[in-house]
């Protein structure tokens, strides 16, 4: 099935895996579908027993999730494995904390436009934190749009978005094929994607000369990536466009309070579609 939007970023936790085990996890992340031992073994050209050992180790560490297929005929039903959302975080506790913060924000600020404004402001604070940690990556001395976008690209790469530059005349677009908080973005795109937009605007503002209304974001509108646009002039359209996201709740009406979603236990969290 065609899936819109980016894929998860590669987490720091994967750096400690052996090369064969990391390859198994990467396959789960890339496919984003439940896979059997036989499917993984065939794709990676490894022995099923070896693959089963890797998959079970990933499940024990919380980087993968094991489920059982519905029984068909006699015999034990086959196990299937998917990557766990926590595989996109350095620690599962960061995933839980992020879910709690976003759930609380959507509970206390139910109004759509006001919620997005708060999320953008949250993103601006995030952007400033990224700049403070940049350390050895000073802002460009040349105050041009090209230098500013190149600097933003480096900051986004450090953050896990794996950005790719695209140009359309005087306008520039950063294609974002990875997302460090993909499951949260699917669950609450109006909050997470607005925060991403605010973060990008803050980083660009630090370089001088790029006004916020020149920066917009298309999220989950095409297969494989989101698109961050930096235009030569202000764009009159929506600053944030979110495509159809699987698992996302319907937008709230101004008079409707949306309760926070329950936070999944990090050991049993569902991967989502």
Protein backbone atom coordinates (compact mmCIF):
# COMPACT_ATOMS: atom_id res chain seq x y z
CA UNK A 1 0.00 0.00 0.00
CA UNK A 2 1.26 3.50 -0.88
CA UNK A 3 2.35 5.39 2.25
CA UNK A 4 2.62 9.17 2.24
CA UNK A 5 5.21 11.09 4.17
CA UNK A 6 8.67 10.29 5.50
CA UNK A 7 10.09 7.29 7.32
CA UNK A 8 11.56 7.16 10.81
CA UNK A 9 15.03 8.47 11.52
CA UNK A 10 17.72 6.04 12.50
CA UNK A 11 18.04 6.04 16.28
CA UNK A 12 21.22 6.21 18.32
CA UNK A 13 20.31 2.84 19.86
CA UNK A 14 21.07 1.18 16.53
CA UNK A 15 24.69 2.23 16.69
CA UNK A 16 25.27 -0.44 19.34
CA UNK A 17 23.87 -3.25 17.18
CA UNK A 18 26.03 -5.62 15.17
CA UNK A 19 25.99 -5.09 11.42
CA UNK A 20 23.77 -8.14 10.68
CA UNK A 21 21.31 -7.23 13.46
CA UNK A 22 21.17 -3.61 12.32
CA UNK A 23 20.39 -4.83 8.80
CA UNK A 24 17.41 -6.80 10.14
CA UNK A 25 16.09 -3.75 12.00
CA UNK A 26 16.61 -1.50 8.99
CA UNK A 27 14.54 -3.89 6.89
CA UNK A 28 11.68 -3.71 9.40
CA UNK A 29 11.83 0.08 9.36
CA UNK A 30 11.99 0.32 5.57
CA UNK A 31 9.12 -2.11 4.96
CA UNK A 32 6.87 -0.72 7.73
CA UNK A 33 4.84 -3.93 7.47
CA UNK A 34 4.80 -7.07 9.64
CA UNK A 35 7.38 -9.56 8.36
CA UNK A 36 7.84 -13.24 9.12
CA UNK A 37 11.20 -14.85 9.81
CA UNK A 38 11.09 -16.46 6.37
CA UNK A 39 10.46 -13.12 4.62
CA UNK A 40 13.36 -11.42 6.41
CA UNK A 41 15.66 -14.38 5.78
CA UNK A 42 14.82 -14.44 2.07
CA UNK A 43 15.26 -10.69 1.63
CA UNK A 44 18.59 -10.55 3.47
CA UNK A 45 19.82 -13.95 2.21
CA UNK A 46 20.43 -15.20 5.74
CA UNK A 47 19.60 -18.47 7.46
CA UNK A 48 16.16 -18.42 9.15
CA UNK A 49 17.62 -19.52 12.49
CA UNK A 50 20.08 -16.64 12.44
CA UNK A 51 17.34 -14.19 11.50
CA UNK A 52 15.06 -15.51 14.26
CA UNK A 53 17.82 -14.92 16.80
CA UNK A 54 18.26 -11.32 15.62
CA UNK A 55 14.51 -10.63 15.63
CA UNK A 56 14.05 -12.03 19.12
CA UNK A 57 16.98 -9.96 20.40
CA UNK A 58 15.47 -6.82 18.85
CA UNK A 59 12.12 -7.63 20.45
CA UNK A 60 13.72 -8.09 23.88
CA UNK A 61 15.52 -4.75 23.56
CA UNK A 62 12.31 -2.92 22.65
CA UNK A 63 13.39 -2.06 19.10
CA UNK A 64 10.97 -4.53 17.51
CA UNK A 65 7.57 -5.95 18.36
CA UNK A 66 6.49 -9.58 17.89
CA UNK A 67 2.89 -10.62 17.15
CA UNK A 68 1.19 -13.84 16.11
CA UNK A 69 -0.65 -14.33 12.84
CA UNK A 70 -4.15 -15.76 13.01
CA UNK A 71 -3.93 -19.58 13.09
CA UNK A 72 -4.50 -21.34 9.77
CA UNK A 73 -5.00 -25.09 10.01
CA UNK A 74 -2.87 -27.12 12.38
CA UNK A 75 0.41 -26.11 13.93
CA UNK A 76 1.67 -23.06 15.76
CA UNK A 77 0.74 -19.73 14.10
CA UNK A 78 3.66 -17.86 12.56
CA UNK A 79 5.21 -14.90 14.33
CA UNK A 80 5.51 -11.56 12.58
CA UNK A 81 7.79 -8.69 13.54
CA UNK A 82 7.53 -4.93 13.15
CA UNK A 83 9.80 -2.13 14.33
CA UNK A 84 8.72 -0.45 17.57
CA UNK A 85 8.12 3.33 17.62
CA UNK A 86 10.78 3.58 20.32
CA UNK A 87 13.35 2.53 17.70
CA UNK A 88 13.24 6.17 16.55
CA UNK A 89 14.29 7.47 19.97
CA UNK A 90 17.56 7.21 21.86
CA UNK A 91 15.58 5.95 24.86
CA UNK A 92 11.99 4.63 25.10
CA UNK A 93 11.41 7.11 27.93
CA UNK A 94 11.91 10.00 25.52
CA UNK A 95 9.10 8.58 23.40
CA UNK A 96 6.80 8.43 26.41
CA UNK A 97 7.73 11.95 27.53
CA UNK A 98 7.07 13.36 24.05
CA UNK A 99 3.68 11.61 23.94
CA UNK A 100 2.75 13.02 27.34
CA UNK A 101 3.73 16.58 26.40
CA UNK A 102 1.85 16.49 23.10
CA UNK A 103 -1.18 14.82 24.68
CA UNK A 104 -1.29 17.47 27.41
CA UNK A 105 -0.98 20.32 24.91
CA UNK A 106 -3.83 19.01 22.76
CA UNK A 107 -5.97 18.60 25.88
CA UNK A 108 -5.51 22.11 27.29
CA UNK A 109 -5.53 23.91 23.91
CA UNK A 110 -8.26 22.20 21.86
CA UNK A 111 -8.86 25.02 19.36
CA UNK A 112 -7.26 24.30 15.96
CA UNK A 113 -5.62 27.66 15.08
CA UNK A 114 -4.62 28.35 18.67
CA UNK A 115 -3.20 24.85 19.05
CA UNK A 116 -1.09 25.26 15.93
CA UNK A 117 0.15 28.66 17.15
CA UNK A 118 1.31 27.15 20.45
CA UNK A 119 2.93 24.26 18.57
CA UNK A 120 4.83 26.67 16.31
CA UNK A 121 6.00 28.59 19.37
CA UNK A 122 7.13 25.31 20.93
CA UNK A 123 9.01 24.62 17.70
CA UNK A 124 10.74 28.01 17.89
CA UNK A 125 12.06 27.11 21.34
CA UNK A 126 13.22 23.78 19.91
CA UNK A 127 14.98 25.63 17.09
CA UNK A 128 16.82 27.84 19.58
CA UNK A 129 17.89 24.75 21.52
CA UNK A 130 19.23 23.18 18.32
CA UNK A 131 21.21 26.34 17.60
CA UNK A 132 22.64 26.41 21.12
CA UNK A 133 23.84 22.83 20.74
CA UNK A 134 25.28 23.46 17.27
CA UNK A 135 28.55 24.58 18.86
CA UNK A 136 31.06 23.89 16.09
CA UNK A 137 28.54 24.73 13.37
CA UNK A 138 28.48 28.56 13.27
CA UNK A 139 25.79 30.43 11.38
CA UNK A 140 26.72 31.56 7.87
CA UNK A 141 28.40 34.94 7.58
CA UNK A 142 26.87 35.54 4.14
CA UNK A 143 23.27 36.70 4.58
CA UNK A 144 21.77 35.12 1.47
CA UNK A 145 18.81 32.77 1.12
CA UNK A 146 21.06 30.07 -0.30
CA UNK A 147 23.45 30.21 2.67
CA UNK A 148 20.53 30.25 5.13
CA UNK A 149 18.86 27.20 3.60
CA UNK A 150 22.18 25.34 3.43
CA UNK A 151 22.67 26.06 7.14
CA UNK A 152 19.13 24.86 7.92
CA UNK A 153 19.85 21.71 5.93
CA UNK A 154 22.89 20.96 8.10
CA UNK A 155 20.88 21.52 11.29
CA UNK A 156 18.06 19.29 10.08
CA UNK A 157 20.53 16.60 9.11
CA UNK A 158 21.94 16.62 12.64
CA UNK A 159 18.39 16.30 13.99
CA UNK A 160 17.54 13.22 11.91
CA UNK A 161 15.53 14.52 8.94
CA UNK A 162 18.14 13.58 6.28
CA UNK A 163 17.16 16.61 4.14
CA UNK A 164 17.71 16.78 0.39
CA UNK A 165 17.94 20.09 -1.47
CA UNK A 166 15.66 20.90 -4.40
CA UNK A 167 15.47 24.15 -6.37
CA UNK A 168 12.61 25.65 -8.36
CA UNK A 169 13.84 28.92 -9.78
CA UNK A 170 14.35 31.39 -6.93
CA UNK A 171 12.46 29.11 -4.51
CA UNK A 172 14.15 26.34 -2.57
CA UNK A 173 12.70 23.16 -1.10
CA UNK A 174 14.12 20.78 1.45
CA UNK A 175 12.80 17.28 0.94
CA UNK A 176 12.61 15.51 4.31
CA UNK A 177 12.62 11.71 3.78
CA UNK A 178 13.13 10.94 7.49
CA UNK A 179 11.34 12.07 10.63
CA UNK A 180 12.80 11.67 14.13
CA UNK A 181 9.31 11.55 15.67
CA UNK A 182 7.33 9.89 12.89
CA UNK A 183 4.82 8.00 15.03
CA UNK A 184 3.99 11.14 16.99
CA UNK A 185 3.66 13.11 13.75
CA UNK A 186 1.20 10.52 12.42
CA UNK A 187 -0.77 10.66 15.66
CA UNK A 188 -0.91 14.45 16.08
CA UNK A 189 0.27 16.08 12.83
CA UNK A 190 -1.33 19.44 13.66
CA UNK A 191 0.99 19.68 16.69
CA UNK A 192 4.18 17.93 15.59
CA UNK A 193 4.29 19.27 12.03
CA UNK A 194 3.51 22.80 13.27
CA UNK A 195 6.40 22.45 15.72
CA UNK A 196 8.68 21.35 12.87
CA UNK A 197 7.63 24.44 10.90
CA UNK A 198 8.31 26.72 13.86
CA UNK A 199 11.70 25.11 14.41
CA UNK A 200 12.73 25.62 10.78
CA UNK A 201 11.57 29.24 10.83
CA UNK A 202 13.57 29.95 13.98
CA UNK A 203 16.77 28.48 12.53
CA UNK A 204 16.32 30.45 9.30
CA UNK A 205 15.56 33.63 11.26
CA UNK A 206 18.87 33.27 13.09
CA UNK A 207 20.70 33.69 9.77
CA UNK A 208 18.83 36.91 8.97
CA UNK A 209 16.69 37.96 6.04
CA UNK A 210 14.12 35.14 5.74
CA UNK A 211 10.70 36.12 7.09
CA UNK A 212 8.43 33.41 8.59
CA UNK A 213 5.74 33.85 5.93
CA UNK A 214 8.23 32.73 3.29
CA UNK A 215 8.55 29.29 4.93
CA UNK A 216 5.85 26.63 4.62
CA UNK A 217 5.58 22.88 5.11
CA UNK A 218 3.79 20.13 3.21
CA UNK A 219 3.47 17.07 5.43
CA UNK A 220 2.34 13.62 4.28
CA UNK A 221 1.44 14.89 0.81
CA UNK A 222 3.72 12.65 -1.25
CA UNK A 223 5.30 9.21 -0.91
CA UNK A 224 8.58 9.10 0.94
CA UNK A 225 8.99 12.63 2.29
CA UNK A 226 7.61 15.90 3.58
CA UNK A 227 8.49 19.16 1.81
CA UNK A 228 9.77 22.30 3.51
CA UNK A 229 9.50 25.28 1.15
CA UNK A 230 11.57 28.45 1.41
CA UNK A 231 10.23 30.93 -1.12
CA UNK A 232 11.78 34.08 -2.49
CA UNK A 233 8.62 36.05 -1.57
CA UNK A 234 5.81 35.52 0.92
CA UNK A 235 3.36 32.80 -0.11
CA UNK A 236 -0.35 33.67 0.33
CA UNK A 237 -1.51 30.08 0.84
CA UNK A 238 -1.55 27.88 3.93
CA UNK A 239 1.74 27.75 5.82
CA UNK A 240 1.09 24.13 6.80
CA UNK A 241 -0.60 21.54 4.59
CA UNK A 242 -1.09 18.07 6.02
CA UNK A 243 -2.11 15.22 3.74
CA UNK A 244 -4.15 12.16 4.75
CA UNK A 245 -2.33 10.60 7.70
CA UNK A 246 -3.17 7.10 8.82
CA UNK A 247 -4.11 6.95 12.52
CA UNK A 248 -4.56 10.72 12.76
CA UNK A 249 -7.69 11.90 14.63
CA UNK A 250 -10.23 14.09 12.90
CA UNK A 251 -9.58 17.85 13.37
CA UNK A 252 -11.33 19.30 16.40
CA UNK A 253 -14.16 21.79 16.07
CA UNK A 254 -13.57 25.08 17.93
CA UNK A 255 -16.20 24.12 20.52
CA UNK A 256 -14.99 20.55 20.93
CA UNK A 257 -12.47 19.51 23.55
CA UNK A 258 -10.29 16.63 22.41
CA UNK A 259 -9.06 14.47 25.30
CA UNK A 260 -5.42 13.47 25.33
CA UNK A 261 -4.70 10.07 23.88
CA UNK A 262 -3.55 7.46 26.39
CA UNK A 263 0.20 6.91 26.42
CA UNK A 264 1.20 3.39 25.40
CA UNK A 265 3.50 1.38 27.58
CA UNK A 266 6.93 1.60 25.89
CA UNK A 267 7.28 -2.16 26.02
CA UNK A 268 4.02 -2.82 24.23
CA UNK A 269 3.47 0.27 22.08
CA UNK A 270 1.90 -0.35 18.71
CA UNK A 271 3.90 0.57 15.66
CA UNK A 272 0.93 2.05 13.84
CA UNK A 273 0.14 1.75 10.16
